[in-house]
Protein backbone atom coordinates (compact mmCIF):
# COMPACT_ATOMS: atom_id res chain seq x y z
CA MET A 1 16.42 -10.08 -45.34
CA LEU A 2 14.57 -12.35 -42.95
CA ARG A 3 11.15 -13.45 -44.11
CA LEU A 4 8.96 -16.40 -43.24
CA SER A 5 8.94 -18.52 -46.37
CA LYS A 6 7.58 -21.97 -47.17
CA LYS A 7 11.12 -23.36 -47.15
CA MET A 8 11.69 -21.89 -43.69
CA ILE A 9 8.47 -23.44 -42.36
CA PHE A 10 9.24 -26.79 -44.04
CA ALA A 11 12.74 -26.92 -42.51
CA ILE A 12 11.49 -26.10 -39.01
CA GLU A 13 8.66 -28.64 -39.38
CA ALA A 14 11.12 -31.30 -40.54
CA VAL A 15 13.49 -30.84 -37.61
CA VAL A 16 10.63 -30.79 -35.09
CA ASP A 17 9.14 -33.88 -36.79
CA ILE A 18 12.45 -35.74 -36.45
CA ALA A 19 12.77 -34.73 -32.79
CA TYR A 20 9.15 -35.49 -31.95
CA HIS A 21 8.59 -38.73 -33.86
CA SER A 22 11.99 -40.39 -33.50
CA SER A 23 12.09 -43.41 -31.27
CA GLY A 24 15.86 -43.67 -31.35
CA GLN A 25 15.78 -44.78 -34.99
CA PRO A 26 16.50 -42.55 -37.99
CA VAL A 27 13.42 -40.83 -39.40
CA GLN A 28 13.00 -41.34 -43.13
CA SER A 29 12.21 -38.38 -45.36
CA GLN A 30 9.12 -40.07 -46.83
CA GLU A 31 7.70 -40.33 -43.30
CA ILE A 32 8.25 -36.60 -42.77
CA THR A 33 6.64 -35.91 -46.15
CA ARG A 34 3.63 -38.07 -45.23
CA ARG A 35 3.11 -36.53 -41.79
CA GLN A 36 3.80 -32.89 -42.66
CA ASN A 37 2.70 -32.82 -46.31
CA ILE A 38 5.99 -31.22 -47.35
CA PRO A 39 6.91 -31.50 -51.04
CA ARG A 40 9.81 -33.93 -51.29
CA ARG A 41 11.93 -31.66 -53.53
CA TYR A 42 12.00 -28.93 -50.87
CA LEU A 43 12.45 -31.37 -48.03
CA GLU A 44 15.50 -33.20 -49.41
CA GLN A 45 17.27 -29.95 -50.22
CA ALA A 46 16.63 -28.58 -46.74
CA LEU A 47 17.58 -31.84 -44.99
CA GLN A 48 20.91 -32.05 -46.82
CA LYS A 49 21.71 -28.45 -45.95
CA LEU A 50 20.82 -29.13 -42.29
CA VAL A 51 23.15 -32.15 -42.32
CA ARG A 52 26.01 -30.03 -43.69
CA ALA A 53 25.30 -27.45 -40.95
CA HIS A 54 25.46 -30.18 -38.25
CA VAL A 55 21.85 -29.71 -37.18
CA LEU A 56 21.00 -33.22 -38.42
CA THR A 57 22.94 -36.38 -39.19
CA GLY A 58 22.17 -38.57 -42.16
CA VAL A 59 22.14 -42.35 -41.89
CA ARG A 60 22.54 -44.32 -45.12
CA GLY A 61 21.00 -47.66 -45.95
CA PRO A 62 17.59 -49.29 -46.12
CA ARG A 63 16.78 -48.35 -42.51
CA GLY A 64 18.46 -44.97 -42.89
CA GLY A 65 17.10 -41.50 -42.50
CA TYR A 66 17.84 -38.52 -40.29
CA ASN A 67 18.59 -37.95 -36.62
CA LEU A 68 19.28 -34.79 -34.66
CA ALA A 69 22.99 -34.02 -34.53
CA ARG A 70 22.65 -32.65 -30.99
CA GLU A 71 20.19 -32.89 -28.13
CA ARG A 72 16.94 -31.21 -29.08
CA ARG A 73 17.35 -28.69 -26.28
CA ARG A 74 20.64 -27.61 -27.90
CA ILE A 75 19.15 -26.86 -31.32
CA SER A 76 17.39 -23.53 -31.66
CA VAL A 77 14.91 -22.34 -34.25
CA GLY A 78 17.52 -19.66 -35.02
CA ASP A 79 19.99 -22.40 -36.05
CA ILE A 80 17.50 -23.69 -38.63
CA VAL A 81 16.55 -20.21 -39.86
CA ARG A 82 20.21 -19.37 -40.56
CA VAL A 83 20.63 -22.55 -42.62
CA VAL A 84 17.52 -21.88 -44.70
CA GLN A 85 18.46 -18.23 -45.26
CA ASP A 86 21.49 -19.52 -47.15
CA LEU A 87 19.18 -21.60 -49.40
CA GLU A 88 17.06 -18.66 -50.42
CA THR A 89 18.09 -15.90 -52.74
CA ASP A 90 17.96 -12.40 -51.36
CA THR A 91 15.20 -10.43 -53.03
CA GLY A 92 15.82 -7.34 -50.92
CA LEU A 93 17.41 -4.08 -51.88
CA ASP A 94 20.80 -4.14 -53.51
CA SER A 95 23.19 -3.32 -50.68
CA GLY A 96 25.33 -1.34 -53.14
CA ASN A 97 22.37 0.97 -53.80
CA PRO A 98 20.57 1.71 -50.52
CA GLY A 99 18.04 3.98 -52.21
CA SER A 100 17.29 7.35 -50.68
CA GLU A 101 19.09 8.96 -47.76
CA LEU A 102 16.01 8.26 -45.63
CA THR A 103 16.23 4.55 -46.49
CA ALA A 104 19.98 4.40 -45.87
CA LYS A 105 19.97 6.27 -42.58
CA VAL A 106 16.61 5.41 -41.03
CA ILE A 107 14.66 2.55 -42.61
CA THR A 108 17.50 0.10 -43.27
CA PRO A 109 18.98 0.43 -39.73
CA MET A 110 15.48 0.03 -38.25
CA TRP A 111 14.91 -3.13 -40.32
CA GLU A 112 18.33 -4.56 -39.40
CA ASP A 113 17.59 -3.95 -35.71
CA LEU A 114 14.24 -5.74 -36.01
CA GLN A 115 15.91 -8.70 -37.70
CA LEU A 116 18.57 -8.86 -34.99
CA ASN A 117 15.88 -8.84 -32.27
CA MET A 118 13.94 -11.55 -34.08
CA MET A 119 17.02 -13.78 -34.40
CA GLU A 120 17.74 -13.35 -30.69
CA LYS A 121 14.19 -14.50 -29.93
CA LEU A 122 14.48 -17.46 -32.32
CA ASP A 123 17.78 -18.44 -30.70
CA GLY A 124 15.92 -18.62 -27.40
CA ILE A 125 13.40 -21.18 -28.70
CA SER A 126 14.70 -24.75 -28.72
CA ILE A 127 13.38 -27.73 -30.65
CA ASP A 128 12.66 -29.23 -27.23
CA ASP A 129 10.38 -26.25 -26.49
CA LEU A 130 8.43 -26.90 -29.70
CA CYS A 131 8.18 -30.64 -28.96
CA THR A 132 6.81 -29.83 -25.52
CA GLN A 133 4.24 -27.51 -27.11
CA ALA A 134 3.27 -30.24 -29.59
CA ASN A 135 2.80 -32.70 -26.74
CA CYS A 136 0.68 -30.21 -24.75
CA ALA A 137 -1.40 -29.53 -27.88
CA GLY A 138 -2.17 -33.26 -28.16
CA VAL A 139 -0.12 -34.00 -31.29
CA GLU A 140 0.36 -37.77 -31.44
CA SER A 141 3.97 -38.98 -31.59
CA GLU A 142 4.40 -41.97 -33.88
CA GLY A 143 7.77 -42.62 -32.24
CA ARG A 144 6.16 -43.16 -28.84
CA GLN A 145 3.46 -45.36 -30.35
CA ASN A 146 6.14 -47.65 -31.82
CA LEU A 147 7.99 -48.14 -28.52
CA ASP A 148 7.60 -51.60 -27.08
CA PHE A 149 8.56 -52.06 -23.43
CA SER A 150 7.61 -55.75 -23.20
CA ILE A 151 10.24 -58.23 -22.02
């Protein structure tokens, strides 16, 4: 069952943070934690899952951190939501026991249709779209502040 959880928000925030604040260098998890106020225990778990799902790449070492695995216009919010759904335990109805006939034949199909429509919408929103919104909203990018074009 699709629900907006803290882990879901944290994962989306983390990927947008990496896309928005990266200046070509890996973004360290402690920087994401500082900027977004995400508890580190949730963040590391989500970041590792996103690396395994090829949404992010991990870079080891003292200057390591995380980069996007693809261009930000090629990563959708739906990609992140699917990864986080695997992290969370399903607290919905037991699929072996759909409840009443009304639930099985009317309510469950309606809910599944709503979830499908929502995922289609989320697939249509790219990380680039969210970065553009952040820029328009006046969110400062630390990555752009750190760029030095002097010769």
